[in-house]
Amino acid sequence: MHDWDADTEPGVIVVHSCTTLGATLVVHLAGEIDHFSAAPLRAFLASAAADGYTGLVLDTSRVTFCDSGFLAVLEWWPRHGRRLRLTNRSRAVMRFLHAVASVQLSARPAPLRAAVS
């Protein structure tokens, strides 16, 4: 079965603006974050980490789509003691984060219950 309405083009994420507050980057993103478009974002953030930035504030109010590529960025940045904060979460980002949270909750093992004799 083929989904004729499926989007087969890679997404495009744009760093709409970027400012610094000491050792913190404040980045405003716009567009779509998928596996392909996340690669340049990861490279940008890797360069920032190498330059000594330890804080990251991501404004996602203009993000229209995100998938596991965005999750990979979110999981990568806090390594080595770096701080991450998401602000102005768009509907797409909120929907994605809720989906991830529900999968994580359902993946937890059920608590052991004492057998009733």
PDB file of N, CA and C in Angstrom:
ATOM      1  N   MET A   1       0.846  -1.170   0.000  1.00  0.00           N
ATOM      2  CA  MET A   1       0.000   0.000   0.000  1.00  0.00           C
ATOM      3  C   MET A   1       0.892   1.234   0.000  1.00  0.00           C
ATOM      4  N   HIS A   2       0.579   2.177  -0.834  1.00  0.00           N
ATOM      5  CA  HIS A   2       1.382   3.382  -0.944  1.00  0.00           C
ATOM      6  C   HIS A   2       0.569   4.574  -0.461  1.00  0.00           C
ATOM      7  N   ASP A   3       1.162   5.398   0.365  1.00  0.00           N
ATOM      8  CA  ASP A   3       0.515   6.609   0.849  1.00  0.00           C
ATOM      9  C   ASP A   3       0.880   7.741  -0.094  1.00  0.00           C
ATOM     10  N   TRP A   4      -0.020   8.073  -0.995  1.00  0.00           N
ATOM     11  CA  TRP A   4       0.266   9.090  -2.016  1.00  0.00           C
ATOM     12  C   TRP A   4       0.426  10.469  -1.425  1.00  0.00           C
ATOM     13  N   ASP A   5      -0.099  10.694  -0.220  1.00  0.00           N
ATOM     14  CA  ASP A   5       0.005  12.007   0.401  1.00  0.00           C
ATOM     15  C   ASP A   5       1.237  12.158   1.274  1.00  0.00           C
ATOM     16  N   ALA A   6       2.031  11.100   1.396  1.00  0.00           N
ATOM     17  CA  ALA A   6       3.208  11.156   2.265  1.00  0.00           C
ATOM     18  C   ALA A   6       4.227  12.134   1.704  1.00  0.00           C
ATOM     19  N   ASP A   7       4.848  12.867   2.596  1.00  0.00           N
ATOM     20  CA  ASP A   7       5.877  13.826   2.208  1.00  0.00           C
ATOM     21  C   ASP A   7       7.200  13.086   2.098  1.00  0.00           C
ATOM     22  N   THR A   8       7.752  13.017   0.899  1.00  0.00           N
ATOM     23  CA  THR A   8       9.005  12.291   0.700  1.00  0.00           C
ATOM     24  C   THR A   8      10.203  13.226   0.635  1.00  0.00           C
ATOM     25  N   GLU A   9       9.965  14.525   0.653  1.00  0.00           N
ATOM     26  CA  GLU A   9      11.056  15.494   0.612  1.00  0.00           C
ATOM     27  C   GLU A   9      11.601  15.686   2.021  1.00  0.00           C
ATOM     28  N   PRO A  10      12.921  15.820   2.144  1.00  0.00           N
ATOM     29  CA  PRO A  10      13.468  16.103   3.476  1.00  0.00           C
ATOM     30  C   PRO A  10      13.017  17.477   3.961  1.00  0.00           C
ATOM     31  N   GLY A  11      12.881  17.607   5.272  1.00  0.00           N
ATOM     32  CA  GLY A  11      12.489  18.877   5.862  1.00  0.00           C
ATOM     33  C   GLY A  11      13.622  19.885   5.820  1.00  0.00           C
ATOM     34  N   VAL A  12      13.258  21.111   6.082  1.00  0.00           N
ATOM     35  CA  VAL A  12      14.240  22.183   6.129  1.00  0.00           C
ATOM     36  C   VAL A  12      14.046  22.926   7.445  1.00  0.00           C
ATOM     37  N   ILE A  13      15.102  22.972   8.230  1.00  0.00           N
ATOM     38  CA  ILE A  13      15.070  23.748   9.471  1.00  0.00           C
ATOM     39  C   ILE A  13      15.982  24.949   9.298  1.00  0.00           C
ATOM     40  N   VAL A  14      15.535  26.075   9.771  1.00  0.00           N
ATOM     41  CA  VAL A  14      16.269  27.319   9.638  1.00  0.00           C
ATOM     42  C   VAL A  14      16.551  27.867  11.029  1.00  0.00           C
ATOM     43  N   VAL A  15      17.776  28.295  11.254  1.00  0.00           N
ATOM     44  CA  VAL A  15      18.084  29.042  12.469  1.00  0.00           C
ATOM     45  C   VAL A  15      17.648  30.469  12.163  1.00  0.00           C
ATOM     46  N   HIS A  16      16.469  30.831  12.661  1.00  0.00           N
ATOM     47  CA  HIS A  16      15.886  32.139  12.375  1.00  0.00           C
ATOM     48  C   HIS A  16      16.713  33.245  13.005  1.00  0.00           C
ATOM     49  N   SER A  17      17.194  32.997  14.215  1.00  0.00           N
ATOM     50  CA  SER A  17      18.103  33.941  14.876  1.00  0.00           C
ATOM     51  C   SER A  17      18.870  33.196  15.958  1.00  0.00           C
ATOM     52  N   CYS A  18      20.008  33.748  16.305  1.00  0.00           N
ATOM     53  CA  CYS A  18      20.856  33.156  17.340  1.00  0.00           C
ATOM     54  C   CYS A  18      21.562  34.282  18.079  1.00  0.00           C
ATOM     55  N   THR A  19      21.402  34.294  19.383  1.00  0.00           N
ATOM     56  CA  THR A  19      22.089  35.270  20.210  1.00  0.00           C
ATOM     57  C   THR A  19      22.788  34.535  21.346  1.00  0.00           C
ATOM     58  N   THR A  20      23.645  35.234  22.032  1.00  0.00           N
ATOM     59  CA  THR A  20      24.342  34.629  23.158  1.00  0.00           C
ATOM     60  C   THR A  20      24.096  35.440  24.419  1.00  0.00           C
ATOM     61  N   LEU A  21      24.047  34.729  25.522  1.00  0.00           N
ATOM     62  CA  LEU A  21      23.980  35.316  26.856  1.00  0.00           C
ATOM     63  C   LEU A  21      25.053  34.623  27.673  1.00  0.00           C
ATOM     64  N   GLY A  22      26.232  35.191  27.701  1.00  0.00           N
ATOM     65  CA  GLY A  22      27.349  34.527  28.368  1.00  0.00           C
ATOM     66  C   GLY A  22      27.696  33.247  27.643  1.00  0.00           C
ATOM     67  N   ALA A  23      27.623  32.131  28.357  1.00  0.00           N
ATOM     68  CA  ALA A  23      27.949  30.825  27.767  1.00  0.00           C
ATOM     69  C   ALA A  23      26.701  30.091  27.273  1.00  0.00           C
ATOM     70  N   THR A  24      25.597  30.845  27.081  1.00  0.00           N
ATOM     71  CA  THR A  24      24.341  30.253  26.625  1.00  0.00           C
ATOM     72  C   THR A  24      23.976  30.775  25.245  1.00  0.00           C
ATOM     73  N   LEU A  25      23.601  29.856  24.362  1.00  0.00           N
ATOM     74  CA  LEU A  25      23.071  30.213  23.045  1.00  0.00           C
ATOM     75  C   LEU A  25      21.557  30.263  23.136  1.00  0.00           C
ATOM     76  N   VAL A  26      20.964  31.271  22.527  1.00  0.00           N
ATOM     77  CA  VAL A  26      19.516  31.363  22.409  1.00  0.00           C
ATOM     78  C   VAL A  26      19.215  31.273  20.918  1.00  0.00           C
ATOM     79  N   VAL A  27      18.589  30.149  20.520  1.00  0.00           N
ATOM     80  CA  VAL A  27      18.384  29.857  19.103  1.00  0.00           C
ATOM     81  C   VAL A  27      16.890  29.785  18.816  1.00  0.00           C
ATOM     82  N   HIS A  28      16.454  30.544  17.813  1.00  0.00           N
ATOM     83  CA  HIS A  28      15.070  30.526  17.347  1.00  0.00           C
ATOM     84  C   HIS A  28      15.042  29.713  16.061  1.00  0.00           C
ATOM     85  N   LEU A  29      14.304  28.597  16.100  1.00  0.00           N
ATOM     86  CA  LEU A  29      14.223  27.704  14.949  1.00  0.00           C
ATOM     87  C   LEU A  29      12.921  27.913  14.193  1.00  0.00           C
ATOM     88  N   ALA A  30      12.959  27.641  12.893  1.00  0.00           N
ATOM     89  CA  ALA A  30      11.757  27.712  12.061  1.00  0.00           C
ATOM     90  C   ALA A  30      11.814  26.597  11.023  1.00  0.00           C
ATOM     91  N   GLY A  31      10.664  25.991  10.736  1.00  0.00           N
ATOM     92  CA  GLY A  31      10.595  24.972   9.693  1.00  0.00           C
ATOM     93  C   GLY A  31      10.411  23.574  10.250  1.00  0.00           C
ATOM     94  N   GLU A  32      10.980  22.606   9.534  1.00  0.00           N
ATOM     95  CA  GLU A  32      10.805  21.193   9.848  1.00  0.00           C
ATOM     96  C   GLU A  32      12.123  20.565  10.282  1.00  0.00           C
ATOM     97  N   ILE A  33      12.067  19.801  11.363  1.00  0.00           N
ATOM     98  CA  ILE A  33      13.250  19.110  11.859  1.00  0.00           C
ATOM     99  C   ILE A  33      13.025  17.617  11.681  1.00  0.00           C
ATOM    100  N   ASP A  34      13.720  17.035  10.718  1.00  0.00           N
ATOM    101  CA  ASP A  34      13.662  15.591  10.529  1.00  0.00           C
ATOM    102  C   ASP A  34      15.089  15.049  10.509  1.00  0.00           C
ATOM    103  N   HIS A  35      15.221  13.786  10.184  1.00  0.00           N
ATOM    104  CA  HIS A  35      16.533  13.135  10.187  1.00  0.00           C
ATOM    105  C   HIS A  35      17.546  13.899   9.334  1.00  0.00           C
ATOM    106  N   PHE A  36      17.121  14.389   8.190  1.00  0.00           N
ATOM    107  CA  PHE A  36      18.039  15.070   7.276  1.00  0.00           C
ATOM    108  C   PHE A  36      18.340  16.500   7.712  1.00  0.00           C
ATOM    109  N   SER A  37      17.314  17.248   8.073  1.00  0.00           N
ATOM    110  CA  SER A  37      17.541  18.649   8.432  1.00  0.00           C
ATOM    111  C   SER A  37      18.192  18.797   9.798  1.00  0.00           C
ATOM    112  N   ALA A  38      18.133  17.766  10.628  1.00  0.00           N
ATOM    113  CA  ALA A  38      18.763  17.836  11.945  1.00  0.00           C
ATOM    114  C   ALA A  38      20.283  17.774  11.849  1.00  0.00           C
ATOM    115  N   ALA A  39      20.823  17.202  10.775  1.00  0.00           N
ATOM    116  CA  ALA A  39      22.280  17.058  10.650  1.00  0.00           C
ATOM    117  C   ALA A  39      23.004  18.411  10.682  1.00  0.00           C
ATOM    118  N   PRO A  40      22.588  19.415   9.903  1.00  0.00           N
ATOM    119  CA  PRO A  40      23.265  20.713  10.000  1.00  0.00           C
ATOM    120  C   PRO A  40      23.057  21.379  11.366  1.00  0.00           C
ATOM    121  N   LEU A  41      21.892  21.157  11.968  1.00  0.00           N
ATOM    122  CA  LEU A  41      21.649  21.703  13.306  1.00  0.00           C
ATOM    123  C   LEU A  41      22.597  21.062  14.311  1.00  0.00           C
ATOM    124  N   ARG A  42      22.771  19.738  14.227  1.00  0.00           N
ATOM    125  CA  ARG A  42      23.727  19.052  15.119  1.00  0.00           C
ATOM    126  C   ARG A  42      25.136  19.587  14.909  1.00  0.00           C
ATOM    127  N   ALA A  43      25.532  19.814  13.661  1.00  0.00           N
ATOM    128  CA  ALA A  43      26.873  20.342  13.375  1.00  0.00           C
ATOM    129  C   ALA A  43      27.037  21.742  13.964  1.00  0.00           C
ATOM    130  N   PHE A  44      26.012  22.565  13.822  1.00  0.00           N
ATOM    131  CA  PHE A  44      26.024  23.917  14.388  1.00  0.00           C
ATOM    132  C   PHE A  44      26.198  23.860  15.905  1.00  0.00           C
ATOM    133  N   LEU A  45      25.448  22.970  16.549  1.00  0.00           N
ATOM    134  CA  LEU A  45      25.526  22.856  18.004  1.00  0.00           C
ATOM    135  C   LEU A  45      26.831  22.214  18.456  1.00  0.00           C
ATOM    136  N   ALA A  46      27.369  21.295  17.677  1.00  0.00           N
ATOM    137  CA  ALA A  46      28.669  20.700  18.010  1.00  0.00           C
ATOM    138  C   ALA A  46      29.748  21.769  17.971  1.00  0.00           C
ATOM    139  N   SER A  47      29.670  22.658  16.998  1.00  0.00           N
ATOM    140  CA  SER A  47      30.625  23.756  16.908  1.00  0.00           C
ATOM    141  C   SER A  47      30.480  24.687  18.117  1.00  0.00           C
ATOM    142  N   ALA A  48      29.240  24.959  18.506  1.00  0.00           N
ATOM    143  CA  ALA A  48      29.001  25.814  19.674  1.00  0.00           C
ATOM    144  C   ALA A  48      29.545  25.163  20.939  1.00  0.00           C
ATOM    145  N   ALA A  49      29.338  23.858  21.088  1.00  0.00           N
ATOM    146  CA  ALA A  49      29.855  23.143  22.256  1.00  0.00           C
ATOM    147  C   ALA A  49      31.382  23.180  22.266  1.00  0.00           C
ATOM    148  N   ALA A  50      31.990  23.010  21.101  1.00  0.00           N
ATOM    149  CA  ALA A  50      33.453  23.060  21.009  1.00  0.00           C
ATOM    150  C   ALA A  50      33.985  24.449  21.349  1.00  0.00           C
ATOM    151  N   ASP A  51      33.174  25.471  21.093  1.00  0.00           N
ATOM    152  CA  ASP A  51      33.566  26.847  21.418  1.00  0.00           C
ATOM    153  C   ASP A  51      33.302  27.195  22.878  1.00  0.00           C
ATOM    154  N   GLY A  52      32.784  26.239  23.649  1.00  0.00           N
ATOM    155  CA  GLY A  52      32.616  26.443  25.084  1.00  0.00           C
ATOM    156  C   GLY A  52      31.229  26.814  25.554  1.00  0.00           C
ATOM    157  N   TYR A  53      30.256  26.838  24.661  1.00  0.00           N
ATOM    158  CA  TYR A  53      28.891  27.132  25.110  1.00  0.00           C
ATOM    159  C   TYR A  53      28.360  25.938  25.892  1.00  0.00           C
ATOM    160  N   THR A  54      27.774  26.226  27.052  1.00  0.00           N
ATOM    161  CA  THR A  54      27.287  25.157  27.922  1.00  0.00           C
ATOM    162  C   THR A  54      25.778  25.203  28.113  1.00  0.00           C
ATOM    163  N   GLY A  55      25.143  26.278  27.688  1.00  0.00           N
ATOM    164  CA  GLY A  55      23.703  26.408  27.802  1.00  0.00           C
ATOM    165  C   GLY A  55      23.080  26.576  26.424  1.00  0.00           C
ATOM    166  N   LEU A  56      21.872  26.050  26.276  1.00  0.00           N
ATOM    167  CA  LEU A  56      21.156  26.174  25.013  1.00  0.00           C
ATOM    168  C   LEU A  56      19.681  26.402  25.315  1.00  0.00           C
ATOM    169  N   VAL A  57      19.155  27.477  24.767  1.00  0.00           N
ATOM    170  CA  VAL A  57      17.728  27.753  24.830  1.00  0.00           C
ATOM    171  C   VAL A  57      17.221  27.673  23.399  1.00  0.00           C
ATOM    172  N   LEU A  58      16.301  26.742  23.164  1.00  0.00           N
ATOM    173  CA  LEU A  58      15.716  26.579  21.831  1.00  0.00           C
ATOM    174  C   LEU A  58      14.288  27.109  21.845  1.00  0.00           C
ATOM    175  N   ASP A  59      14.041  28.130  21.041  1.00  0.00           N
ATOM    176  CA  ASP A  59      12.688  28.638  20.840  1.00  0.00           C
ATOM    177  C   ASP A  59      12.145  27.906  19.626  1.00  0.00           C
ATOM    178  N   THR A  60      11.117  27.105  19.833  1.00  0.00           N
ATOM    179  CA  THR A  60      10.576  26.268  18.756  1.00  0.00           C
ATOM    180  C   THR A  60       9.202  26.741  18.296  1.00  0.00           C
ATOM    181  N   SER A  61       8.857  27.995  18.549  1.00  0.00           N
ATOM    182  CA  SER A  61       7.528  28.501  18.208  1.00  0.00           C
ATOM    183  C   SER A  61       7.233  28.439  16.714  1.00  0.00           C
ATOM    184  N   ARG A  62       8.256  28.418  15.881  1.00  0.00           N
ATOM    185  CA  ARG A  62       8.056  28.387  14.423  1.00  0.00           C
ATOM    186  C   ARG A  62       8.376  27.029  13.804  1.00  0.00           C
ATOM    187  N   VAL A  63       8.526  26.003  14.628  1.00  0.00           N
ATOM    188  CA  VAL A  63       8.773  24.654  14.114  1.00  0.00           C
ATOM    189  C   VAL A  63       7.424  24.047  13.729  1.00  0.00           C
ATOM    190  N   THR A  64       7.309  23.618  12.481  1.00  0.00           N
ATOM    191  CA  THR A  64       6.036  23.098  11.970  1.00  0.00           C
ATOM    192  C   THR A  64       5.973  21.574  11.960  1.00  0.00           C
ATOM    193  N   PHE A  65       7.117  20.903  12.107  1.00  0.00           N
ATOM    194  CA  PHE A  65       7.172  19.443  12.122  1.00  0.00           C
ATOM    195  C   PHE A  65       8.464  19.032  12.794  1.00  0.00           C
ATOM    196  N   CYS A  66       8.423  17.928  13.543  1.00  0.00           N
ATOM    197  CA  CYS A  66       9.656  17.359  14.088  1.00  0.00           C
ATOM    198  C   CYS A  66       9.460  15.866  14.287  1.00  0.00           C
ATOM    199  N   ASP A  67      10.582  15.137  14.224  1.00  0.00           N
ATOM    200  CA  ASP A  67      10.553  13.694  14.440  1.00  0.00           C
ATOM    201  C   ASP A  67      11.767  13.296  15.250  1.00  0.00           C
ATOM    202  N   SER A  68      12.162  12.053  15.153  1.00  0.00           N
ATOM    203  CA  SER A  68      13.264  11.539  15.978  1.00  0.00           C
ATOM    204  C   SER A  68      14.586  12.267  15.721  1.00  0.00           C
ATOM    205  N   GLY A  69      14.741  12.926  14.589  1.00  0.00           N
ATOM    206  CA  GLY A  69      15.942  13.728  14.354  1.00  0.00           C
ATOM    207  C   GLY A  69      16.055  14.841  15.382  1.00  0.00           C
ATOM    208  N   PHE A  70      14.929  15.439  15.739  1.00  0.00           N
ATOM    209  CA  PHE A  70      14.912  16.479  16.764  1.00  0.00           C
ATOM    210  C   PHE A  70      15.217  15.881  18.125  1.00  0.00           C
ATOM    211  N   LEU A  71      14.660  14.710  18.388  1.00  0.00           N
ATOM    212  CA  LEU A  71      14.926  14.029  19.650  1.00  0.00           C
ATOM    213  C   LEU A  71      16.421  13.738  19.804  1.00  0.00           C
ATOM    214  N   ALA A  72      17.078  13.343  18.731  1.00  0.00           N
ATOM    215  CA  ALA A  72      18.523  13.071  18.781  1.00  0.00           C
ATOM    216  C   ALA A  72      19.293  14.325  19.173  1.00  0.00           C
ATOM    217  N   VAL A  73      18.881  15.475  18.648  1.00  0.00           N
ATOM    218  CA  VAL A  73      19.526  16.750  19.014  1.00  0.00           C
ATOM    219  C   VAL A  73      19.295  17.034  20.490  1.00  0.00           C
ATOM    220  N   LEU A  74      18.051  16.847  20.937  1.00  0.00           N
ATOM    221  CA  LEU A  74      17.718  17.126  22.337  1.00  0.00           C
ATOM    222  C   LEU A  74      18.475  16.221  23.297  1.00  0.00           C
ATOM    223  N   GLU A  75      18.687  14.978  22.911  1.00  0.00           N
ATOM    224  CA  GLU A  75      19.411  14.056  23.781  1.00  0.00           C
ATOM    225  C   GLU A  75      20.918  14.295  23.738  1.00  0.00           C
ATOM    226  N   TRP A  76      21.430  14.780  22.614  1.00  0.00           N
ATOM    227  CA  TRP A  76      22.874  14.965  22.471  1.00  0.00           C
ATOM    228  C   TRP A  76      23.381  16.166  23.267  1.00  0.00           C
ATOM    229  N   TRP A  77      22.678  17.286  23.222  1.00  0.00           N
ATOM    230  CA  TRP A  77      23.199  18.520  23.821  1.00  0.00           C
ATOM    231  C   TRP A  77      23.505  18.394  25.317  1.00  0.00           C
ATOM    232  N   PRO A  78      22.651  17.825  26.176  1.00  0.00           N
ATOM    233  CA  PRO A  78      22.923  17.821  27.612  1.00  0.00           C
ATOM    234  C   PRO A  78      24.101  16.954  28.066  1.00  0.00           C
ATOM    235  N   ARG A  79      24.696  16.221  27.162  1.00  0.00           N
ATOM    236  CA  ARG A  79      25.859  15.430  27.562  1.00  0.00           C
ATOM    237  C   ARG A  79      26.975  16.348  28.046  1.00  0.00           C
ATOM    238  N   HIS A  80      27.805  15.832  28.912  1.00  0.00           N
ATOM    239  CA  HIS A  80      28.958  16.563  29.453  1.00  0.00           C
ATOM    240  C   HIS A  80      28.535  17.801  30.240  1.00  0.00           C
ATOM    241  N   GLY A  81      27.374  17.731  30.886  1.00  0.00           N
ATOM    242  CA  GLY A  81      26.959  18.796  31.793  1.00  0.00           C
ATOM    243  C   GLY A  81      26.352  20.026  31.141  1.00  0.00           C
ATOM    244  N   ARG A  82      26.066  19.982  29.847  1.00  0.00           N
ATOM    245  CA  ARG A  82      25.448  21.143  29.198  1.00  0.00           C
ATOM    246  C   ARG A  82      23.960  21.205  29.564  1.00  0.00           C
ATOM    247  N   ARG A  83      23.419  22.422  29.564  1.00  0.00           N
ATOM    248  CA  ARG A  83      22.017  22.641  29.932  1.00  0.00           C
ATOM    249  C   ARG A  83      21.174  22.928  28.692  1.00  0.00           C
ATOM    250  N   LEU A  84      19.922  22.459  28.717  1.00  0.00           N
ATOM    251  CA  LEU A  84      19.001  22.640  27.598  1.00  0.00           C
ATOM    252  C   LEU A  84      17.655  23.102  28.121  1.00  0.00           C
ATOM    253  N   ARG A  85      17.079  24.066  27.428  1.00  0.00           N
ATOM    254  CA  ARG A  85      15.732  24.533  27.769  1.00  0.00           C
ATOM    255  C   ARG A  85      14.964  24.793  26.477  1.00  0.00           C
ATOM    256  N   LEU A  86      13.755  24.275  26.400  1.00  0.00           N
ATOM    257  CA  LEU A  86      12.875  24.544  25.259  1.00  0.00           C
ATOM    258  C   LEU A  86      11.884  25.625  25.669  1.00  0.00           C
ATOM    259  N   THR A  87      11.724  26.625  24.816  1.00  0.00           N
ATOM    260  CA  THR A  87      10.750  27.674  25.092  1.00  0.00           C
ATOM    261  C   THR A  87       9.808  27.816  23.918  1.00  0.00           C
ATOM    262  N   ASN A  88       8.652  28.386  24.186  1.00  0.00           N
ATOM    263  CA  ASN A  88       7.659  28.668  23.138  1.00  0.00           C
ATOM    264  C   ASN A  88       7.460  27.466  22.220  1.00  0.00           C
ATOM    265  N   ARG A  89       7.134  26.342  22.801  1.00  0.00           N
ATOM    266  CA  ARG A  89       6.969  25.095  22.040  1.00  0.00           C
ATOM    267  C   ARG A  89       5.776  25.193  21.093  1.00  0.00           C
ATOM    268  N   SER A  90       6.028  24.936  19.835  1.00  0.00           N
ATOM    269  CA  SER A  90       4.953  24.954  18.844  1.00  0.00           C
ATOM    270  C   SER A  90       4.038  23.752  19.059  1.00  0.00           C
ATOM    271  N   ARG A  91       2.908  23.752  18.364  1.00  0.00           N
ATOM    272  CA  ARG A  91       1.987  22.616  18.460  1.00  0.00           C
ATOM    273  C   ARG A  91       2.662  21.338  18.000  1.00  0.00           C
ATOM    274  N   ALA A  92       3.453  21.431  16.933  1.00  0.00           N
ATOM    275  CA  ALA A  92       4.138  20.241  16.409  1.00  0.00           C
ATOM    276  C   ALA A  92       5.120  19.685  17.438  1.00  0.00           C
ATOM    277  N   VAL A  93       5.855  20.564  18.100  1.00  0.00           N
ATOM    278  CA  VAL A  93       6.828  20.130  19.105  1.00  0.00           C
ATOM    279  C   VAL A  93       6.096  19.536  20.307  1.00  0.00           C
ATOM    280  N   MET A  94       5.025  20.180  20.751  1.00  0.00           N
ATOM    281  CA  MET A  94       4.263  19.652  21.890  1.00  0.00           C
ATOM    282  C   MET A  94       3.692  18.277  21.562  1.00  0.00           C
ATOM    283  N   ARG A  95       3.134  18.112  20.379  1.00  0.00           N
ATOM    284  CA  ARG A  95       2.565  16.836  19.965  1.00  0.00           C
ATOM    285  C   ARG A  95       3.638  15.752  19.961  1.00  0.00           C
ATOM    286  N   PHE A  96       4.809  16.086  19.446  1.00  0.00           N
ATOM    287  CA  PHE A  96       5.909  15.123  19.392  1.00  0.00           C
ATOM    288  C   PHE A  96       6.387  14.764  20.796  1.00  0.00           C
ATOM    289  N   LEU A  97       6.591  15.756  21.657  1.00  0.00           N
ATOM    290  CA  LEU A  97       7.066  15.488  23.016  1.00  0.00           C
ATOM    291  C   LEU A  97       6.058  14.654  23.807  1.00  0.00           C
ATOM    292  N   HIS A  98       4.758  14.907  23.613  1.00  0.00           N
ATOM    293  CA  HIS A  98       3.733  14.093  24.283  1.00  0.00           C
ATOM    294  C   HIS A  98       3.779  12.650  23.774  1.00  0.00           C
ATOM    295  N   ALA A  99       3.987  12.483  22.484  1.00  0.00           N
ATOM    296  CA  ALA A  99       4.077  11.123  21.924  1.00  0.00           C
ATOM    297  C   ALA A  99       5.281  10.383  22.495  1.00  0.00           C
ATOM    298  N   VAL A 100       6.418  11.053  22.590  1.00  0.00           N
ATOM    299  CA  VAL A 100       7.627  10.436  23.146  1.00  0.00           C
ATOM    300  C   VAL A 100       7.399  10.071  24.602  1.00  0.00           C
ATOM    301  N   ALA A 101       6.793  10.976  25.352  1.00  0.00           N
ATOM    302  CA  ALA A 101       6.542  10.705  26.772  1.00  0.00           C
ATOM    303  C   ALA A 101       5.604   9.513  26.948  1.00  0.00           C
ATOM    304  N   SER A 102       4.581   9.411  26.112  1.00  0.00           N
ATOM    305  CA  SER A 102       3.648   8.288  26.266  1.00  0.00           C
ATOM    306  C   SER A 102       4.301   6.957  25.907  1.00  0.00           C
ATOM    307  N   VAL A 103       5.193   6.967  24.932  1.00  0.00           N
ATOM    308  CA  VAL A 103       5.920   5.738  24.586  1.00  0.00           C
ATOM    309  C   VAL A 103       6.845   5.344  25.726  1.00  0.00           C
ATOM    310  N   GLN A 104       7.514   6.326  26.323  1.00  0.00           N
ATOM    311  CA  GLN A 104       8.412   6.027  27.436  1.00  0.00           C
ATOM    312  C   GLN A 104       7.635   5.475  28.624  1.00  0.00           C
ATOM    313  N   LEU A 105       6.458   6.029  28.887  1.00  0.00           N
ATOM    314  CA  LEU A 105       5.647   5.532  30.002  1.00  0.00           C
ATOM    315  C   LEU A 105       5.165   4.114  29.749  1.00  0.00           C
ATOM    316  N   SER A 106       4.752   3.826  28.531  1.00  0.00           N
ATOM    317  CA  SER A 106       4.239   2.489  28.238  1.00  0.00           C
ATOM    318  C   SER A 106       5.355   1.449  28.165  1.00  0.00           C
ATOM    319  N   ALA A 107       6.593   1.887  28.005  1.00  0.00           N
ATOM    320  CA  ALA A 107       7.721   0.959  27.931  1.00  0.00           C
ATOM    321  C   ALA A 107       8.216   0.544  29.313  1.00  0.00           C
ATOM    322  N   ARG A 108       7.767   1.239  30.350  1.00  0.00           N
ATOM    323  CA  ARG A 108       8.202   0.885  31.709  1.00  0.00           C
ATOM    324  C   ARG A 108       7.582  -0.445  32.102  1.00  0.00           C
ATOM    325  N   PRO A 109       8.369  -1.299  32.777  1.00  0.00           N
ATOM    326  CA  PRO A 109       7.807  -2.578  33.227  1.00  0.00           C
ATOM    327  C   PRO A 109       6.761  -2.357  34.314  1.00  0.00           C
ATOM    328  N   ALA A 110       5.748  -3.205  34.308  1.00  0.00           N
ATOM    329  CA  ALA A 110       4.696  -3.123  35.323  1.00  0.00           C
ATOM    330  C   ALA A 110       5.278  -3.523  36.675  1.00  0.00           C
ATOM    331  N   PRO A 111       4.791  -2.886  37.744  1.00  0.00           N
ATOM    332  CA  PRO A 111       5.305  -3.254  39.072  1.00  0.00           C
ATOM    333  C   PRO A 111       4.897  -4.676  39.418  1.00  0.00           C
ATOM    334  N   LEU A 112       5.762  -5.319  40.173  1.00  0.00           N
ATOM    335  CA  LEU A 112       5.457  -6.683  40.621  1.00  0.00           C
ATOM    336  C   LEU A 112       4.359  -6.628  41.666  1.00  0.00           C
ATOM    337  N   ARG A 113       3.414  -7.529  41.540  1.00  0.00           N
ATOM    338  CA  ARG A 113       2.312  -7.571  42.512  1.00  0.00           C
ATOM    339  C   ARG A 113       2.372  -8.902  43.247  1.00  0.00           C
ATOM    340  N   ALA A 114       2.092  -8.854  44.508  1.00  0.00           N
ATOM    341  CA  ALA A 114       2.071 -10.081  45.321  1.00  0.00           C
ATOM    342  C   ALA A 114       0.936 -10.974  44.870  1.00  0.00           C
ATOM    343  N   ALA A 115       1.235 -12.236  44.764  1.00  0.00           N
ATOM    344  CA  ALA A 115       0.202 -13.205  44.369  1.00  0.00           C
ATOM    345  C   ALA A 115      -0.788 -13.375  45.515  1.00  0.00           C
ATOM    346  N   VAL A 116      -2.059 -13.401  45.152  1.00  0.00           N
ATOM    347  CA  VAL A 116      -3.101 -13.580  46.162  1.00  0.00           C
ATOM    348  C   VAL A 116      -3.423 -15.077  46.236  1.00  0.00           C
ATOM    349  N   SER A 117      -3.358 -15.643  47.449  1.00  0.00           N
ATOM    350  CA  SER A 117      -3.646 -17.074  47.616  1.00  0.00           C
ATOM    351  C   SER A 117      -5.086 -17.326  47.835  1.00  0.00           C
TER     352      SER A 117
END
